[in-house]
Amino acid sequence: MRQLLRRRDVRLLLAGQSLSMFGDWAMIIALGIWARVLTGSNAEAGLVFLCLGVTGLIAPLGGLLVDRMAKRPLMIATHLALAAAMCLLLLVHTRAELWLLYLVTVLYGLGGDVFGAARSSMLKAMVPDAQLAEANGILQSVREGLRIIAPVTGAGIFAAFGGHVVALVDAATFVCSAATLVALPFAEPALARREQHVVREASAGLAFIARNRVLRELSIGVCLALLVVGFSETLVFAIVTKGVHRSPAFIGVLETFQGVGAIAGGLTAAALMRRLGDVRLAGLGLATFGIACFGLLVPRLAAVLPSGVVVGVGIAWAIVALATAYQRRSPQVIQGRVAAASNMLFSVPQTASIALGALLITVIDYRLEIVIMALVTLAAAVYLSTRTENESLVADPAQA
């Protein structure tokens, strides 16, 4: 990891991403609060997160754009466009402009999907395969570290100065990120050739995942887990209020402990991957998450807080393993489409599980829901731990 951080291009990318991720975490929480203040409705505030998630359904089109265009100019243009979109929020003052807040949120989601796919492709071209796990681990650790402080900062700025100032701060982080990309030395990889069948081009990422046995099995196992992992979005309220008998604000403390675990997971993922491989590390991450869920059943802070740390470790291991597996096992020419396809594959079951979890908590005891989440996640972990990884890591570009 130290060797990786000696590289100027990696340091510039990391600096820019740190700024933009800080802005993302601060702005996302502010958008939800803003909608709640304008409407007084929890449901209309929740629509903000639906707007962010629904863009994953058209992510493959963004992946095609990534593969057809030079990566760095596209990333710069995307962040400058998002900075301009944030400025549109300066026009939001009353409930009458709520539609504009939702529109900006959708643009935020679309831009994030395109930028994420482009960044994945850039990392594949910039970093040797042997160091991809370290690069993804660093990014994940930074992301989770910022998740601890940025939402609180965003909420604080909103409370003190209003949403317009948060929007301007976020716009500034996008501009600074674009500036680091301008300064970043990067040799662009070959672009995907244009074909007559746009649908076939756009679906090439999904088709490649389906053909590649390792990626196909990895996707099946993770999607199985994501069918229940979304339960945690509503369970966390029950764990805090009914389990340890604290106010809803205590959720921030639990998320901080989870963030600490995720930082540790991101920093250790590469070393574990060299021993276990990417698929089995993903399985270990899911198993760690599933086992930690049982600790959340205990109505004691001494059990819940350490379990939150272990949950964070498991999630980070799984995320780093996934990102690295898709990068290493896919040809450069379809990196964007593979990244976008995996985003769509995972966002659908996760979104469905969030909705199902919110429904289940009204009809069954929250502890039973935790047990269901743990058992299904452990089943997915067992499935992944029995997979083999003997398929070539370097895919034939002709298959794309």
Protein backbone atom coordinates (compact mmCIF):
# COMPACT_ATOMS: atom_id res chain seq x y z
CA MET A 1 0.00 0.00 0.00
CA ARG A 2 2.88 2.39 0.77
CA GLN A 3 4.31 1.65 -2.68
CA LEU A 4 0.98 2.54 -4.25
CA LEU A 5 0.75 5.82 -2.36
CA ARG A 6 4.18 6.88 -3.63
CA ARG A 7 2.64 7.31 -7.07
CA ARG A 8 1.62 10.87 -7.92
CA ASP A 9 -1.33 9.80 -10.05
CA VAL A 10 -2.76 7.65 -7.25
CA ARG A 11 -2.30 10.45 -4.71
CA LEU A 12 -4.07 12.95 -6.98
CA LEU A 13 -6.96 10.58 -7.63
CA LEU A 14 -7.27 9.86 -3.92
CA ALA A 15 -7.20 13.56 -3.02
CA GLY A 16 -9.91 14.40 -5.53
CA GLN A 17 -12.06 11.47 -4.51
CA SER A 18 -11.72 12.35 -0.84
CA LEU A 19 -13.06 15.82 -1.55
CA SER A 20 -15.95 14.65 -3.71
CA MET A 21 -16.91 11.82 -1.32
CA PHE A 22 -16.98 14.28 1.56
CA GLY A 23 -19.30 16.48 -0.48
CA ASP A 24 -21.45 13.47 -1.42
CA TRP A 25 -22.02 12.32 2.17
CA ALA A 26 -22.73 15.89 3.33
CA MET A 27 -25.11 16.65 0.46
CA ILE A 28 -27.07 13.39 0.56
CA ILE A 29 -28.06 13.86 4.19
CA ALA A 30 -28.82 17.54 3.52
CA LEU A 31 -31.13 16.66 0.61
CA GLY A 32 -33.20 14.41 2.86
CA ILE A 33 -33.36 17.02 5.62
CA TRP A 34 -34.21 19.73 3.10
CA ALA A 35 -37.14 17.76 1.69
CA ARG A 36 -38.37 17.08 5.23
CA VAL A 37 -38.19 20.77 6.17
CA LEU A 38 -40.01 21.87 3.00
CA THR A 39 -42.83 19.31 3.29
CA GLY A 40 -43.02 18.15 6.90
CA SER A 41 -43.39 14.65 5.47
CA ASN A 42 -41.09 11.70 6.20
CA ALA A 43 -42.39 9.94 3.09
CA GLU A 44 -41.50 12.84 0.79
CA ALA A 45 -38.10 13.07 2.44
CA GLY A 46 -37.63 9.34 1.79
CA LEU A 47 -38.29 9.94 -1.92
CA VAL A 48 -34.85 11.59 -2.06
CA PHE A 49 -33.19 8.22 -1.45
CA LEU A 50 -35.52 6.53 -3.94
CA CYS A 51 -34.45 9.09 -6.57
CA LEU A 52 -30.81 8.26 -5.84
CA GLY A 53 -31.36 4.51 -6.09
CA VAL A 54 -33.61 4.32 -9.14
CA THR A 55 -30.89 5.62 -11.45
CA GLY A 56 -29.09 2.29 -11.08
CA LEU A 57 -31.72 0.74 -13.35
CA ILE A 58 -30.31 2.60 -16.37
CA ALA A 59 -26.68 2.32 -15.30
CA PRO A 60 -25.73 0.08 -18.30
CA LEU A 61 -26.29 3.04 -20.64
CA GLY A 62 -23.84 5.06 -18.59
CA GLY A 63 -21.40 2.16 -18.75
CA LEU A 64 -21.57 2.21 -22.55
CA LEU A 65 -20.80 5.94 -22.50
CA VAL A 66 -17.76 5.24 -20.30
CA ASP A 67 -16.36 2.60 -22.64
CA ARG A 68 -16.88 4.73 -25.76
CA MET A 69 -15.25 7.90 -24.38
CA ALA A 70 -11.88 8.90 -22.95
CA LYS A 71 -12.11 8.35 -19.21
CA ARG A 72 -10.45 11.44 -17.76
CA PRO A 73 -12.31 14.06 -19.87
CA LEU A 74 -15.58 12.25 -19.12
CA MET A 75 -14.90 12.27 -15.37
CA ILE A 76 -13.94 15.95 -15.44
CA ALA A 77 -17.06 16.86 -17.42
CA THR A 78 -19.27 14.79 -15.12
CA HIS A 79 -18.04 16.51 -11.97
CA LEU A 80 -18.29 19.96 -13.52
CA ALA A 81 -21.85 19.15 -14.63
CA LEU A 82 -22.69 18.00 -11.11
CA ALA A 83 -21.24 21.24 -9.72
CA ALA A 84 -23.60 23.15 -12.03
CA ALA A 85 -26.51 20.92 -10.96
CA MET A 86 -25.81 21.74 -7.31
CA CYS A 87 -26.16 25.43 -8.16
CA LEU A 88 -29.73 24.77 -9.31
CA LEU A 89 -30.57 24.14 -5.67
CA LEU A 90 -30.06 27.85 -5.05
CA LEU A 91 -33.49 28.26 -6.68
CA VAL A 92 -35.21 26.04 -4.08
CA HIS A 93 -36.97 28.09 -1.39
CA THR A 94 -40.46 26.66 -0.86
CA ARG A 95 -42.42 23.48 -1.41
CA ALA A 96 -43.29 24.76 -4.89
CA GLU A 97 -39.67 24.09 -5.93
CA LEU A 98 -39.59 20.59 -4.42
CA TRP A 99 -39.67 19.10 -7.93
CA LEU A 100 -36.36 20.83 -8.62
CA LEU A 101 -34.79 19.24 -5.53
CA TYR A 102 -35.91 15.81 -6.77
CA LEU A 103 -34.62 16.55 -10.28
CA VAL A 104 -31.19 17.52 -8.92
CA THR A 105 -31.18 14.32 -6.84
CA VAL A 106 -31.83 12.21 -9.95
CA LEU A 107 -29.02 14.05 -11.79
CA TYR A 108 -26.82 13.41 -8.76
CA GLY A 109 -27.53 9.69 -8.98
CA LEU A 110 -26.95 9.55 -12.74
CA GLY A 111 -23.68 11.47 -12.49
CA GLY A 112 -22.50 9.26 -9.64
CA ASP A 113 -23.21 6.11 -11.66
CA VAL A 114 -21.30 7.38 -14.69
CA PHE A 115 -18.39 8.66 -12.61
CA GLY A 116 -18.17 5.43 -10.60
CA ALA A 117 -18.00 3.29 -13.74
CA ALA A 118 -15.37 5.61 -15.25
CA ARG A 119 -13.28 5.53 -12.07
CA SER A 120 -13.37 1.73 -12.07
CA SER A 121 -12.16 1.69 -15.66
CA MET A 122 -9.47 4.29 -14.90
CA LEU A 123 -8.15 2.25 -11.97
CA LYS A 124 -7.99 -0.87 -14.15
CA ALA A 125 -5.88 1.03 -16.71
CA MET A 126 -3.76 2.93 -14.20
CA VAL A 127 -2.91 0.32 -11.55
CA PRO A 128 -1.39 -3.15 -12.09
CA ASP A 129 -3.83 -5.98 -11.36
CA ALA A 130 -1.71 -7.05 -8.39
CA GLN A 131 -2.35 -3.67 -6.73
CA LEU A 132 -6.04 -3.25 -7.54
CA ALA A 133 -7.08 -4.68 -4.17
CA GLU A 134 -4.90 -2.14 -2.36
CA ALA A 135 -6.33 0.72 -4.43
CA ASN A 136 -9.91 -0.36 -3.81
CA GLY A 137 -9.15 -0.90 -0.13
CA ILE A 138 -7.76 2.63 0.26
CA LEU A 139 -10.79 4.15 -1.49
CA GLN A 140 -13.19 2.13 0.66
CA SER A 141 -11.40 3.13 3.88
CA VAL A 142 -11.47 6.80 2.91
CA ARG A 143 -15.14 6.52 1.96
CA GLU A 144 -16.07 5.01 5.30
CA GLY A 145 -13.90 7.43 7.25
CA LEU A 146 -15.68 10.35 5.61
CA ARG A 147 -19.02 8.68 6.25
CA ILE A 148 -18.35 9.16 9.96
CA ILE A 149 -17.81 12.93 9.82
CA ALA A 150 -19.36 14.26 6.58
CA PRO A 151 -23.08 13.61 7.27
CA VAL A 152 -22.80 15.31 10.66
CA THR A 153 -20.98 18.22 9.02
CA GLY A 154 -23.60 18.47 6.29
CA ALA A 155 -26.45 18.42 8.80
CA GLY A 156 -24.65 21.03 10.92
CA ILE A 157 -24.09 23.37 7.97
CA PHE A 158 -27.73 22.93 6.96
CA ALA A 159 -28.93 23.77 10.48
CA ALA A 160 -26.67 26.81 10.75
CA PHE A 161 -26.78 28.28 7.24
CA GLY A 162 -29.36 26.37 5.20
CA GLY A 163 -29.31 23.99 2.24
CA HIS A 164 -28.00 26.59 -0.21
CA VAL A 165 -24.64 26.73 1.57
CA VAL A 166 -24.37 22.92 1.64
CA ALA A 167 -25.04 22.90 -2.11
CA LEU A 168 -22.29 25.47 -2.71
CA VAL A 169 -19.84 23.48 -0.59
CA ASP A 170 -20.66 20.33 -2.56
CA ALA A 171 -20.27 22.19 -5.85
CA ALA A 172 -16.84 23.37 -4.71
CA THR A 173 -15.75 19.79 -3.93
CA PHE A 174 -16.76 18.72 -7.44
CA VAL A 175 -14.75 21.56 -9.00
CA CYS A 176 -11.70 20.70 -6.88
CA SER A 177 -12.02 17.02 -7.82
CA ALA A 178 -12.13 17.97 -11.49
CA ALA A 179 -8.99 20.07 -11.01
CA THR A 180 -7.08 17.10 -9.56
CA LEU A 181 -8.12 15.03 -12.59
CA VAL A 182 -6.79 17.74 -14.92
CA ALA A 183 -3.41 17.47 -13.19
CA LEU A 184 -3.44 13.67 -13.10
CA PRO A 185 -1.11 11.94 -15.61
CA PHE A 186 -3.05 9.15 -17.29
CA ALA A 187 -2.65 7.14 -20.50
CA GLU A 188 -6.11 6.53 -21.92
CA PRO A 189 -6.90 2.89 -22.83
CA ALA A 190 -8.38 1.90 -26.17
CA LEU A 191 -12.03 2.83 -26.64
CA ALA A 192 -14.81 0.34 -27.37
CA ARG A 193 -15.66 0.09 -31.03
CA ARG A 194 -19.07 1.26 -32.16
CA GLU A 195 -21.53 -1.37 -33.32
CA GLN A 196 -24.86 -1.21 -35.10
CA HIS A 197 -26.77 -2.85 -32.26
CA VAL A 198 -26.89 -0.35 -29.39
CA VAL A 199 -28.86 -2.70 -27.14
CA ARG A 200 -26.23 -5.40 -27.55
CA GLU A 201 -23.47 -2.89 -26.82
CA ALA A 202 -25.21 -1.55 -23.71
CA SER A 203 -25.89 -5.05 -22.40
CA ALA A 204 -22.34 -6.30 -23.04
CA GLY A 205 -21.47 -5.93 -19.34
CA LEU A 206 -24.41 -8.08 -18.24
CA ALA A 207 -23.67 -10.61 -20.96
CA PHE A 208 -20.02 -10.84 -19.93
CA ILE A 209 -20.92 -11.41 -16.28
CA ALA A 210 -23.35 -14.14 -17.34
CA ARG A 211 -20.68 -15.89 -19.48
CA ASN A 212 -17.87 -15.68 -16.95
CA ARG A 213 -18.46 -18.49 -14.45
CA VAL A 214 -16.64 -16.84 -11.54
CA LEU A 215 -18.36 -13.47 -11.94
CA ARG A 216 -21.70 -15.17 -12.50
CA GLU A 217 -21.41 -17.19 -9.29
CA LEU A 218 -20.10 -14.18 -7.38
CA SER A 219 -23.09 -12.13 -8.53
CA ILE A 220 -25.54 -14.87 -7.53
CA GLY A 221 -24.09 -15.15 -4.04
CA VAL A 222 -23.97 -11.42 -3.39
CA CYS A 223 -27.45 -10.81 -4.82
CA LEU A 224 -28.79 -13.51 -2.50
CA ALA A 225 -27.30 -11.67 0.48
CA LEU A 226 -28.58 -8.31 -0.74
CA LEU A 227 -32.13 -9.65 -0.71
CA VAL A 228 -31.95 -9.30 3.09
CA VAL A 229 -29.07 -6.91 3.83
CA GLY A 230 -31.36 -3.95 3.14
CA PHE A 231 -33.38 -4.96 6.22
CA SER A 232 -30.69 -3.21 8.26
CA GLU A 233 -31.86 0.21 7.05
CA THR A 234 -35.01 -0.08 9.20
CA LEU A 235 -33.71 -2.57 11.77
CA VAL A 236 -31.17 -0.07 13.04
CA PHE A 237 -34.00 2.05 14.48
CA ALA A 238 -35.48 -0.93 16.33
CA ILE A 239 -32.05 -2.05 17.61
CA VAL A 240 -31.39 1.40 19.06
CA THR A 241 -34.83 2.22 20.46
CA LYS A 242 -36.12 -1.22 21.51
CA GLY A 243 -32.89 -3.14 21.96
CA VAL A 244 -30.58 -0.79 23.88
CA HIS A 245 -33.32 1.74 24.77
CA ARG A 246 -31.66 4.84 23.40
CA SER A 247 -33.08 7.74 21.37
CA PRO A 248 -33.01 7.58 17.54
CA ALA A 249 -30.10 10.05 17.58
CA PHE A 250 -27.95 7.25 19.03
CA ILE A 251 -27.97 5.69 15.55
CA GLY A 252 -25.12 8.08 14.75
CA VAL A 253 -23.01 6.47 17.46
CA LEU A 254 -23.69 2.97 16.09
CA GLU A 255 -22.84 4.12 12.56
CA THR A 256 -19.59 5.59 13.85
CA PHE A 257 -18.58 2.21 15.27
CA GLN A 258 -19.54 0.55 12.00
CA GLY A 259 -17.44 3.11 10.15
CA VAL A 260 -14.41 2.33 12.30
CA GLY A 261 -14.81 -1.35 11.42
CA ALA A 262 -15.17 -0.53 7.74
CA ILE A 263 -11.94 1.47 7.76
CA ALA A 264 -10.13 -1.49 9.30
CA GLY A 265 -11.73 -3.82 6.77
CA GLY A 266 -10.65 -1.69 3.84
CA LEU A 267 -7.06 -1.52 5.06
CA THR A 268 -6.79 -5.30 5.59
CA ALA A 269 -8.72 -6.49 2.54
CA ALA A 270 -5.77 -6.63 0.13
CA ALA A 271 -3.63 -8.82 2.40
CA LEU A 272 -6.52 -11.23 2.94
CA MET A 273 -7.30 -11.33 -0.77
CA ARG A 274 -3.77 -12.47 -1.57
CA ARG A 275 -4.35 -15.47 0.69
CA LEU A 276 -7.99 -16.26 -0.02
CA GLY A 277 -8.76 -14.88 -3.48
CA ASP A 278 -11.49 -12.40 -4.33
CA VAL A 279 -14.50 -14.75 -4.30
CA ARG A 280 -13.68 -16.31 -0.96
CA LEU A 281 -12.91 -12.93 0.58
CA ALA A 282 -16.39 -11.82 -0.52
CA GLY A 283 -17.74 -14.95 1.16
CA LEU A 284 -15.75 -14.23 4.33
CA GLY A 285 -17.10 -10.68 4.36
CA LEU A 286 -20.69 -11.94 4.15
CA ALA A 287 -20.02 -14.58 6.82
CA THR A 288 -18.54 -11.93 9.12
CA PHE A 289 -21.60 -9.74 8.58
CA GLY A 290 -23.98 -12.64 9.24
CA ILE A 291 -22.25 -13.74 12.45
CA ALA A 292 -22.12 -10.16 13.75
CA CYS A 293 -25.90 -9.89 13.29
CA PHE A 294 -26.42 -12.29 16.20
CA GLY A 295 -24.61 -9.84 18.46
CA LEU A 296 -27.22 -7.23 17.56
CA LEU A 297 -29.85 -9.41 19.23
CA VAL A 298 -28.32 -8.84 22.64
CA PRO A 299 -29.93 -5.81 24.36
CA ARG A 300 -26.64 -4.50 25.72
CA LEU A 301 -24.35 -1.79 24.41
CA ALA A 302 -21.40 -4.03 25.25
CA ALA A 303 -22.66 -6.44 22.57
CA VAL A 304 -24.26 -4.09 20.02
CA LEU A 305 -21.37 -1.64 19.59
CA PRO A 306 -18.65 -4.29 18.99
CA SER A 307 -21.06 -6.08 16.65
CA GLY A 308 -21.40 -2.83 14.71
CA VAL A 309 -17.61 -2.76 14.29
CA VAL A 310 -17.60 -6.36 13.00
CA VAL A 311 -20.47 -5.58 10.62
CA GLY A 312 -18.38 -2.74 9.17
CA VAL A 313 -15.38 -5.03 8.70
CA GLY A 314 -17.48 -7.62 6.86
CA ILE A 315 -19.10 -5.08 4.56
CA ALA A 316 -15.73 -3.55 3.63
CA TRP A 317 -14.18 -6.94 2.84
CA ALA A 318 -17.11 -7.83 0.60
CA ILE A 319 -17.10 -4.48 -1.24
CA VAL A 320 -13.35 -4.48 -1.91
CA ALA A 321 -13.47 -8.11 -3.05
CA LEU A 322 -16.35 -7.37 -5.42
CA ALA A 323 -14.80 -4.28 -6.97
CA THR A 324 -11.48 -6.03 -7.49
CA ALA A 325 -13.02 -9.22 -8.90
CA TYR A 326 -14.97 -7.35 -11.58
CA GLN A 327 -11.96 -5.24 -12.53
CA ARG A 328 -9.44 -8.08 -12.69
CA ARG A 329 -11.70 -10.53 -14.49
CA SER A 330 -13.03 -8.18 -17.18
CA PRO A 331 -11.25 -6.81 -20.26
CA GLN A 332 -10.45 -3.11 -20.26
CA VAL A 333 -12.66 -2.41 -23.26
CA ILE A 334 -15.86 -3.24 -21.32
CA GLN A 335 -14.81 -2.12 -17.82
CA GLY A 336 -17.40 0.64 -17.74
CA ARG A 337 -20.25 -1.63 -18.79
CA VAL A 338 -19.27 -4.38 -16.36
CA ALA A 339 -19.06 -1.89 -13.48
CA ALA A 340 -22.42 -0.37 -14.43
CA ALA A 341 -24.03 -3.80 -14.86
CA SER A 342 -22.87 -4.92 -11.42
CA ASN A 343 -24.25 -1.68 -9.97
CA MET A 344 -27.65 -2.46 -11.49
CA LEU A 345 -27.57 -6.11 -10.42
CA PHE A 346 -26.90 -5.16 -6.83
CA SER A 347 -29.10 -2.06 -6.54
CA VAL A 348 -32.29 -3.92 -7.50
CA PRO A 349 -32.25 -6.60 -4.74
CA GLN A 350 -30.93 -4.14 -2.19
CA THR A 351 -33.69 -1.63 -2.91
CA ALA A 352 -36.28 -4.42 -2.78
CA SER A 353 -34.91 -5.63 0.55
CA ILE A 354 -35.13 -2.13 2.04
CA ALA A 355 -38.83 -2.02 1.12
CA LEU A 356 -39.43 -5.58 2.35
CA GLY A 357 -37.61 -4.89 5.61
CA ALA A 358 -39.76 -1.83 6.26
CA LEU A 359 -42.86 -3.99 5.72
CA LEU A 360 -41.70 -6.95 7.81
CA ILE A 361 -40.85 -4.86 10.85
CA THR A 362 -44.53 -3.94 11.12
CA VAL A 363 -45.72 -7.57 11.26
CA ILE A 364 -42.94 -9.56 13.00
CA ASP A 365 -40.58 -9.02 15.92
CA TYR A 366 -37.46 -7.14 14.84
CA ARG A 367 -35.27 -9.84 16.39
CA LEU A 368 -36.77 -12.46 14.09
CA GLU A 369 -36.01 -10.20 11.13
CA ILE A 370 -32.37 -9.97 12.29
CA VAL A 371 -32.19 -13.78 12.45
CA ILE A 372 -33.61 -14.06 8.91
CA MET A 373 -31.04 -11.54 7.66
CA ALA A 374 -28.21 -13.38 9.39
CA LEU A 375 -29.19 -16.85 8.15
CA VAL A 376 -29.69 -15.82 4.52
CA THR A 377 -26.39 -13.91 4.51
CA LEU A 378 -24.59 -16.93 5.99
CA ALA A 379 -26.17 -19.16 3.32
CA ALA A 380 -24.80 -16.82 0.65
CA ALA A 381 -21.38 -16.94 2.35
CA VAL A 382 -21.40 -20.75 2.32
CA TYR A 383 -22.28 -20.71 -1.38
CA LEU A 384 -19.35 -18.41 -2.20
CA SER A 385 -16.90 -20.32 -0.01
CA THR A 386 -17.54 -23.47 -2.06
CA ARG A 387 -16.85 -21.82 -5.42
CA THR A 388 -13.55 -22.33 -7.23
CA GLU A 389 -11.50 -19.55 -8.85
CA ASN A 390 -9.55 -21.43 -11.48
CA GLU A 391 -10.98 -19.45 -14.38
CA SER A 392 -8.48 -17.09 -16.01
CA LEU A 393 -8.26 -13.66 -14.40
CA VAL A 394 -7.49 -11.98 -17.73
CA ALA A 395 -10.53 -12.29 -19.91
CA ASP A 396 -10.23 -12.48 -23.69
CA PRO A 397 -11.10 -9.04 -25.08
CA ALA A 398 -12.63 -10.73 -28.09
CA GLN A 399 -15.42 -11.97 -25.85
CA ALA A 400 -16.56 -8.41 -25.31
